[in-house]
Protein backbone atom coordinates (compact mmCIF):
# COMPACT_ATOMS: atom_id res chain seq x y z
CA UNK A 1 -74.68 42.15 -60.65
CA UNK A 2 -72.74 44.91 -58.93
CA UNK A 3 -74.60 47.78 -57.33
CA UNK A 4 -73.02 50.85 -55.86
CA UNK A 5 -73.81 54.28 -54.56
CA UNK A 6 -74.51 56.05 -51.35
CA UNK A 7 -76.19 54.21 -48.51
CA UNK A 8 -79.95 54.69 -48.38
CA UNK A 9 -81.13 56.66 -45.40
CA UNK A 10 -83.58 54.63 -43.38
CA UNK A 11 -85.06 51.16 -43.66
CA UNK A 12 -86.51 49.55 -46.76
CA UNK A 13 -89.47 47.18 -46.75
CA UNK A 14 -89.91 44.46 -49.35
CA UNK A 15 -93.00 42.52 -50.38
CA UNK A 16 -93.18 40.52 -53.60
CA UNK A 17 -92.03 42.95 -56.36
CA UNK A 18 -92.35 46.10 -54.28
CA UNK A 19 -89.70 47.95 -52.26
CA UNK A 20 -90.65 51.02 -50.22
CA UNK A 21 -89.30 53.33 -47.55
CA UNK A 22 -92.38 52.85 -45.33
CA UNK A 23 -94.90 50.14 -44.59
CA UNK A 24 -97.67 52.55 -45.60
CA UNK A 25 -96.19 53.05 -49.08
CA UNK A 26 -95.77 49.30 -49.43
CA UNK A 27 -99.41 48.71 -48.48
CA UNK A 28 -100.56 51.40 -50.95
CA UNK A 29 -98.59 49.79 -53.80
CA UNK A 30 -100.03 46.37 -52.97
CA UNK A 31 -103.57 47.76 -52.91
CA UNK A 32 -103.10 49.61 -56.20
CA UNK A 33 -101.81 46.44 -57.88
CA UNK A 34 -104.67 44.35 -56.54
CA UNK A 35 -107.25 46.91 -57.72
CA UNK A 36 -105.82 46.44 -61.19
CA UNK A 37 -106.70 49.77 -62.84
CA UNK A 38 -103.77 49.55 -65.24
CA UNK A 39 -105.22 52.07 -67.67
CA UNK A 40 -105.75 54.97 -65.26
CA UNK A 41 -104.23 53.85 -61.95
CA UNK A 42 -100.82 54.00 -60.32
CA UNK A 43 -99.38 51.23 -62.50
CA UNK A 44 -99.74 51.82 -66.22
CA UNK A 45 -98.98 49.09 -68.73
CA UNK A 46 -97.13 49.67 -72.00
CA UNK A 47 -99.37 49.84 -75.07
CA UNK A 48 -100.34 46.36 -76.24
CA UNK A 49 -99.34 44.67 -72.96
CA UNK A 50 -102.78 43.97 -71.55
CA UNK A 51 -103.28 40.26 -72.19
CA UNK A 52 -101.45 38.83 -69.18
CA UNK A 53 -101.88 39.60 -65.50
CA UNK A 54 -99.63 38.41 -62.68
CA UNK A 55 -101.66 38.49 -59.46
CA UNK A 56 -100.24 39.45 -56.10
CA UNK A 57 -99.44 36.22 -54.21
CA UNK A 58 -102.63 34.93 -52.65
CA UNK A 59 -104.83 37.25 -54.72
CA UNK A 60 -107.88 35.79 -56.40
CA UNK A 61 -108.34 37.20 -59.90
CA UNK A 62 -111.91 37.84 -61.04
């Protein structure tokens, strides 16, 4: 894979499948994923894609 473009201004933080420009944004994404409101929340699933869930590493799924 070849990526190009202008250099990003500022640091990037990575955790699991999330990349953010601040630790606060990264924490908010993690929390939203763990809450799992995929119908109304921050992360919406495509129609018909609601049978499988990939938990955040270390997360216990109810």
